[in-house]
Amino acid sequence: MREQILPLDAVFTEQTRFGTHYQIRGTLTGVNRVVLPVVTIWMSEKATGQTKFITLFPDKEV
């Protein structure tokens, strides 16, 4: 994910009491060369200022 997803642009999705949520849409390519479009969700925590990975799911809009 660091090489294939993180270089892409993050899009704001919502603000919660815990922090700011973002999503990054992109593709992951496996060692078998299968390409999977995915959506990743990230949160910038209010309490610590750290950005954390929350979840990943298939991108069905592609």
PDB file of N, CA and C in Angstrom:
ATOM      1  N   MET A   1       0.814  -1.191   0.000  1.00  0.00           N
ATOM      2  CA  MET A   1       0.000   0.000   0.000  1.00  0.00           C
ATOM      3  C   MET A   1       0.860   1.259   0.000  1.00  0.00           C
ATOM      4  N   ARG A   2       1.985   1.217   0.653  1.00  0.00           N
ATOM      5  CA  ARG A   2       2.828   2.424   0.719  1.00  0.00           C
ATOM      6  C   ARG A   2       3.260   2.893  -0.655  1.00  0.00           C
ATOM      7  N   GLU A   3       3.577   1.975  -1.535  1.00  0.00           N
ATOM      8  CA  GLU A   3       4.063   2.352  -2.863  1.00  0.00           C
ATOM      9  C   GLU A   3       2.943   2.581  -3.866  1.00  0.00           C
ATOM     10  N   GLN A   4       1.821   1.875  -3.713  1.00  0.00           N
ATOM     11  CA  GLN A   4       0.770   1.922  -4.725  1.00  0.00           C
ATOM     12  C   GLN A   4      -0.397   2.847  -4.369  1.00  0.00           C
ATOM     13  N   ILE A   5      -0.663   3.058  -3.086  1.00  0.00           N
ATOM     14  CA  ILE A   5      -1.827   3.849  -2.678  1.00  0.00           C
ATOM     15  C   ILE A   5      -1.439   5.206  -2.098  1.00  0.00           C
ATOM     16  N   LEU A   6      -0.472   5.239  -1.189  1.00  0.00           N
ATOM     17  CA  LEU A   6      -0.138   6.491  -0.505  1.00  0.00           C
ATOM     18  C   LEU A   6       0.299   7.642  -1.404  1.00  0.00           C
ATOM     19  N   PRO A   7       0.936   7.395  -2.551  1.00  0.00           N
ATOM     20  CA  PRO A   7       1.286   8.531  -3.417  1.00  0.00           C
ATOM     21  C   PRO A   7       0.072   9.216  -4.073  1.00  0.00           C
ATOM     22  N   LEU A   8      -1.101   8.593  -4.006  1.00  0.00           N
ATOM     23  CA  LEU A   8      -2.296   9.147  -4.649  1.00  0.00           C
ATOM     24  C   LEU A   8      -2.930  10.224  -3.763  1.00  0.00           C
ATOM     25  N   ASP A   9      -3.818  11.021  -4.357  1.00  0.00           N
ATOM     26  CA  ASP A   9      -4.480  12.104  -3.636  1.00  0.00           C
ATOM     27  C   ASP A   9      -5.545  11.583  -2.685  1.00  0.00           C
ATOM     28  N   ALA A  10      -5.560  12.128  -1.477  1.00  0.00           N
ATOM     29  CA  ALA A  10      -6.588  11.800  -0.488  1.00  0.00           C
ATOM     30  C   ALA A  10      -7.719  12.808  -0.619  1.00  0.00           C
ATOM     31  N   VAL A  11      -8.947  12.322  -0.437  1.00  0.00           N
ATOM     32  CA  VAL A  11     -10.144  13.162  -0.534  1.00  0.00           C
ATOM     33  C   VAL A  11     -10.852  13.162   0.824  1.00  0.00           C
ATOM     34  N   PHE A  12     -11.148  14.356   1.333  1.00  0.00           N
ATOM     35  CA  PHE A  12     -11.873  14.494   2.590  1.00  0.00           C
ATOM     36  C   PHE A  12     -13.228  13.819   2.472  1.00  0.00           C
ATOM     37  N   THR A  13     -13.621  13.051   3.521  1.00  0.00           N
ATOM     38  CA  THR A  13     -14.945  12.436   3.510  1.00  0.00           C
ATOM     39  C   THR A  13     -15.822  12.908   4.661  1.00  0.00           C
ATOM     40  N   GLU A  14     -15.251  13.057   5.871  1.00  0.00           N
ATOM     41  CA  GLU A  14     -16.064  13.534   6.987  1.00  0.00           C
ATOM     42  C   GLU A  14     -15.192  13.958   8.165  1.00  0.00           C
ATOM     43  N   GLN A  15     -15.796  14.777   9.002  1.00  0.00           N
ATOM     44  CA  GLN A  15     -15.165  15.210  10.255  1.00  0.00           C
ATOM     45  C   GLN A  15     -15.953  14.582  11.394  1.00  0.00           C
ATOM     46  N   THR A  16     -15.277  13.890  12.307  1.00  0.00           N
ATOM     47  CA  THR A  16     -15.945  13.314  13.471  1.00  0.00           C
ATOM     48  C   THR A  16     -15.300  13.869  14.739  1.00  0.00           C
ATOM     49  N   ARG A  17     -15.825  13.508  15.877  1.00  0.00           N
ATOM     50  CA  ARG A  17     -15.232  13.982  17.132  1.00  0.00           C
ATOM     51  C   ARG A  17     -13.861  13.375  17.368  1.00  0.00           C
ATOM     52  N   PHE A  18     -13.542  12.282  16.651  1.00  0.00           N
ATOM     53  CA  PHE A  18     -12.245  11.622  16.805  1.00  0.00           C
ATOM     54  C   PHE A  18     -11.186  12.150  15.849  1.00  0.00           C
ATOM     55  N   GLY A  19     -11.626  12.709  14.713  1.00  0.00           N
ATOM     56  CA  GLY A  19     -10.676  13.228  13.747  1.00  0.00           C
ATOM     57  C   GLY A  19     -11.277  13.383  12.361  1.00  0.00           C
ATOM     58  N   THR A  20     -10.409  13.637  11.396  1.00  0.00           N
ATOM     59  CA  THR A  20     -10.820  13.864  10.014  1.00  0.00           C
ATOM     60  C   THR A  20     -10.601  12.594   9.200  1.00  0.00           C
ATOM     61  N   HIS A  21     -11.637  12.178   8.456  1.00  0.00           N
ATOM     62  CA  HIS A  21     -11.554  10.972   7.643  1.00  0.00           C
ATOM     63  C   HIS A  21     -11.308  11.345   6.184  1.00  0.00           C
ATOM     64  N   TYR A  22     -10.482  10.522   5.529  1.00  0.00           N
ATOM     65  CA  TYR A  22     -10.151  10.701   4.118  1.00  0.00           C
ATOM     66  C   TYR A  22     -10.257   9.359   3.421  1.00  0.00           C
ATOM     67  N   GLN A  23     -10.438   9.405   2.114  1.00  0.00           N
ATOM     68  CA  GLN A  23     -10.376   8.172   1.338  1.00  0.00           C
ATOM     69  C   GLN A  23      -9.393   8.349   0.191  1.00  0.00           C
ATOM     70  N   ILE A  24      -8.762   7.248  -0.168  1.00  0.00           N
ATOM     71  CA  ILE A  24      -7.873   7.218  -1.322  1.00  0.00           C
ATOM     72  C   ILE A  24      -8.329   6.058  -2.195  1.00  0.00           C
ATOM     73  N   ARG A  25      -8.652   6.367  -3.440  1.00  0.00           N
ATOM     74  CA  ARG A  25      -9.023   5.337  -4.420  1.00  0.00           C
ATOM     75  C   ARG A  25      -7.806   5.044  -5.291  1.00  0.00           C
ATOM     76  N   GLY A  26      -7.607   3.773  -5.566  1.00  0.00           N
ATOM     77  CA  GLY A  26      -6.489   3.386  -6.412  1.00  0.00           C
ATOM     78  C   GLY A  26      -6.556   1.915  -6.742  1.00  0.00           C
ATOM     79  N   THR A  27      -5.458   1.380  -7.214  1.00  0.00           N
ATOM     80  CA  THR A  27      -5.390  -0.042  -7.533  1.00  0.00           C
ATOM     81  C   THR A  27      -4.198  -0.664  -6.827  1.00  0.00           C
ATOM     82  N   LEU A  28      -4.393  -1.902  -6.434  1.00  0.00           N
ATOM     83  CA  LEU A  28      -3.308  -2.694  -5.876  1.00  0.00           C
ATOM     84  C   LEU A  28      -3.012  -3.822  -6.858  1.00  0.00           C
ATOM     85  N   THR A  29      -1.748  -4.011  -7.158  1.00  0.00           N
ATOM     86  CA  THR A  29      -1.325  -5.085  -8.046  1.00  0.00           C
ATOM     87  C   THR A  29      -0.577  -6.114  -7.225  1.00  0.00           C
ATOM     88  N   GLY A  30      -1.069  -7.356  -7.266  1.00  0.00           N
ATOM     89  CA  GLY A  30      -0.452  -8.432  -6.502  1.00  0.00           C
ATOM     90  C   GLY A  30       0.760  -9.012  -7.207  1.00  0.00           C
ATOM     91  N   VAL A  31       1.454  -9.902  -6.520  1.00  0.00           N
ATOM     92  CA  VAL A  31       2.637 -10.547  -7.106  1.00  0.00           C
ATOM     93  C   VAL A  31       2.257 -11.397  -8.309  1.00  0.00           C
ATOM     94  N   ASN A  32       0.995 -11.810  -8.386  1.00  0.00           N
ATOM     95  CA  ASN A  32       0.500 -12.582  -9.531  1.00  0.00           C
ATOM     96  C   ASN A  32       0.006 -11.683 -10.661  1.00  0.00           C
ATOM     97  N   ARG A  33       0.231 -10.363 -10.512  1.00  0.00           N
ATOM     98  CA  ARG A  33      -0.138  -9.341 -11.497  1.00  0.00           C
ATOM     99  C   ARG A  33      -1.641  -9.082 -11.614  1.00  0.00           C
ATOM    100  N   VAL A  34      -2.435  -9.599 -10.680  1.00  0.00           N
ATOM    101  CA  VAL A  34      -3.864  -9.309 -10.650  1.00  0.00           C
ATOM    102  C   VAL A  34      -4.033  -7.910 -10.072  1.00  0.00           C
ATOM    103  N   VAL A  35      -4.829  -7.089 -10.767  1.00  0.00           N
ATOM    104  CA  VAL A  35      -5.049  -5.707 -10.355  1.00  0.00           C
ATOM    105  C   VAL A  35      -6.426  -5.601  -9.703  1.00  0.00           C
ATOM    106  N   LEU A  36      -6.465  -5.046  -8.501  1.00  0.00           N
ATOM    107  CA  LEU A  36      -7.713  -4.895  -7.763  1.00  0.00           C
ATOM    108  C   LEU A  36      -7.947  -3.422  -7.457  1.00  0.00           C
ATOM    109  N   PRO A  37      -9.045  -2.842  -7.976  1.00  0.00           N
ATOM    110  CA  PRO A  37      -9.374  -1.459  -7.603  1.00  0.00           C
ATOM    111  C   PRO A  37      -9.883  -1.440  -6.167  1.00  0.00           C
ATOM    112  N   VAL A  38      -9.360  -0.525  -5.368  1.00  0.00           N
ATOM    113  CA  VAL A  38      -9.712  -0.477  -3.949  1.00  0.00           C
ATOM    114  C   VAL A  38      -9.988   0.940  -3.489  1.00  0.00           C
ATOM    115  N   VAL A  39     -10.670   1.035  -2.354  1.00  0.00           N
ATOM    116  CA  VAL A  39     -10.868   2.291  -1.636  1.00  0.00           C
ATOM    117  C   VAL A  39     -10.253   2.082  -0.257  1.00  0.00           C
ATOM    118  N   THR A  40      -9.388   2.999   0.154  1.00  0.00           N
ATOM    119  CA  THR A  40      -8.821   2.935   1.494  1.00  0.00           C
ATOM    120  C   THR A  40      -9.339   4.121   2.294  1.00  0.00           C
ATOM    121  N   ILE A  41      -9.553   3.900   3.582  1.00  0.00           N
ATOM    122  CA  ILE A  41     -10.041   4.940   4.479  1.00  0.00           C
ATOM    123  C   ILE A  41      -8.953   5.217   5.515  1.00  0.00           C
ATOM    124  N   TRP A  42      -8.702   6.505   5.735  1.00  0.00           N
ATOM    125  CA  TRP A  42      -7.663   6.954   6.662  1.00  0.00           C
ATOM    126  C   TRP A  42      -8.263   7.977   7.601  1.00  0.00           C
ATOM    127  N   MET A  43      -7.681   8.109   8.802  1.00  0.00           N
ATOM    128  CA  MET A  43      -8.158   9.119   9.741  1.00  0.00           C
ATOM    129  C   MET A  43      -6.968   9.862  10.341  1.00  0.00           C
ATOM    130  N   SER A  44      -7.063  11.179  10.327  1.00  0.00           N
ATOM    131  CA  SER A  44      -6.099  12.019  11.017  1.00  0.00           C
ATOM    132  C   SER A  44      -6.678  12.270  12.407  1.00  0.00           C
ATOM    133  N   GLU A  45      -6.080  11.649  13.418  1.00  0.00           N
ATOM    134  CA  GLU A  45      -6.604  11.716  14.783  1.00  0.00           C
ATOM    135  C   GLU A  45      -6.476  13.098  15.384  1.00  0.00           C
ATOM    136  N   LYS A  46      -7.549  13.557  16.019  1.00  0.00           N
ATOM    137  CA  LYS A  46      -7.518  14.849  16.705  1.00  0.00           C
ATOM    138  C   LYS A  46      -6.561  14.811  17.887  1.00  0.00           C
ATOM    139  N   ALA A  47      -6.635  13.752  18.681  1.00  0.00           N
ATOM    140  CA  ALA A  47      -5.881  13.670  19.929  1.00  0.00           C
ATOM    141  C   ALA A  47      -4.368  13.643  19.718  1.00  0.00           C
ATOM    142  N   THR A  48      -3.906  12.912  18.682  1.00  0.00           N
ATOM    143  CA  THR A  48      -2.464  12.724  18.500  1.00  0.00           C
ATOM    144  C   THR A  48      -1.908  13.429  17.277  1.00  0.00           C
ATOM    145  N   GLY A  49      -2.774  13.769  16.322  1.00  0.00           N
ATOM    146  CA  GLY A  49      -2.304  14.351  15.069  1.00  0.00           C
ATOM    147  C   GLY A  49      -1.771  13.319  14.089  1.00  0.00           C
ATOM    148  N   GLN A  50      -1.789  12.051  14.479  1.00  0.00           N
ATOM    149  CA  GLN A  50      -1.290  10.980  13.608  1.00  0.00           C
ATOM    150  C   GLN A  50      -2.357  10.576  12.599  1.00  0.00           C
ATOM    151  N   THR A  51      -1.906  10.209  11.406  1.00  0.00           N
ATOM    152  CA  THR A  51      -2.807   9.687  10.390  1.00  0.00           C
ATOM    153  C   THR A  51      -2.703   8.177  10.412  1.00  0.00           C
ATOM    154  N   LYS A  52      -3.868   7.523  10.490  1.00  0.00           N
ATOM    155  CA  LYS A  52      -3.905   6.075  10.632  1.00  0.00           C
ATOM    156  C   LYS A  52      -4.766   5.437   9.551  1.00  0.00           C
ATOM    157  N   PHE A  53      -4.342   4.262   9.109  1.00  0.00           N
ATOM    158  CA  PHE A  53      -5.115   3.454   8.179  1.00  0.00           C
ATOM    159  C   PHE A  53      -6.287   2.839   8.936  1.00  0.00           C
ATOM    160  N   ILE A  54      -7.503   2.937   8.363  1.00  0.00           N
ATOM    161  CA  ILE A  54      -8.693   2.388   9.005  1.00  0.00           C
ATOM    162  C   ILE A  54      -9.146   1.096   8.331  1.00  0.00           C
ATOM    163  N   THR A  55      -9.404   1.147   7.019  1.00  0.00           N
ATOM    164  CA  THR A  55      -9.895  -0.050   6.334  1.00  0.00           C
ATOM    165  C   THR A  55      -9.659   0.055   4.835  1.00  0.00           C
ATOM    166  N   LEU A  56      -9.850  -1.060   4.157  1.00  0.00           N
ATOM    167  CA  LEU A  56      -9.721  -1.150   2.702  1.00  0.00           C
ATOM    168  C   LEU A  56     -10.851  -2.036   2.210  1.00  0.00           C
ATOM    169  N   PHE A  57     -11.483  -1.644   1.089  1.00  0.00           N
ATOM    170  CA  PHE A  57     -12.509  -2.493   0.494  1.00  0.00           C
ATOM    171  C   PHE A  57     -12.469  -2.330  -1.024  1.00  0.00           C
ATOM    172  N   PRO A  58     -13.025  -3.340  -1.757  1.00  0.00           N
ATOM    173  CA  PRO A  58     -13.029  -3.253  -3.220  1.00  0.00           C
ATOM    174  C   PRO A  58     -13.806  -2.040  -3.701  1.00  0.00           C
ATOM    175  N   ASP A  59     -13.307  -1.400  -4.738  1.00  0.00           N
ATOM    176  CA  ASP A  59     -13.973  -0.233  -5.319  1.00  0.00           C
ATOM    177  C   ASP A  59     -14.956  -0.723  -6.367  1.00  0.00           C
ATOM    178  N   LYS A  60     -16.234  -0.691  -6.047  1.00  0.00           N
ATOM    179  CA  LYS A  60     -17.265  -1.201  -6.956  1.00  0.00           C
ATOM    180  C   LYS A  60     -17.735  -0.142  -7.948  1.00  0.00           C
ATOM    181  N   GLU A  61     -17.224   1.095  -7.833  1.00  0.00           N
ATOM    182  CA  GLU A  61     -17.613   2.165  -8.744  1.00  0.00           C
ATOM    183  C   GLU A  61     -16.776   2.166 -10.023  1.00  0.00           C
ATOM    184  N   VAL A  62     -15.808   1.292 -10.092  1.00  0.00           N
ATOM    185  CA  VAL A  62     -14.939   1.250 -11.286  1.00  0.00           C
ATOM    186  C   VAL A  62     -15.516   0.300 -12.303  1.00  0.00           C
TER     187      VAL A  62
END
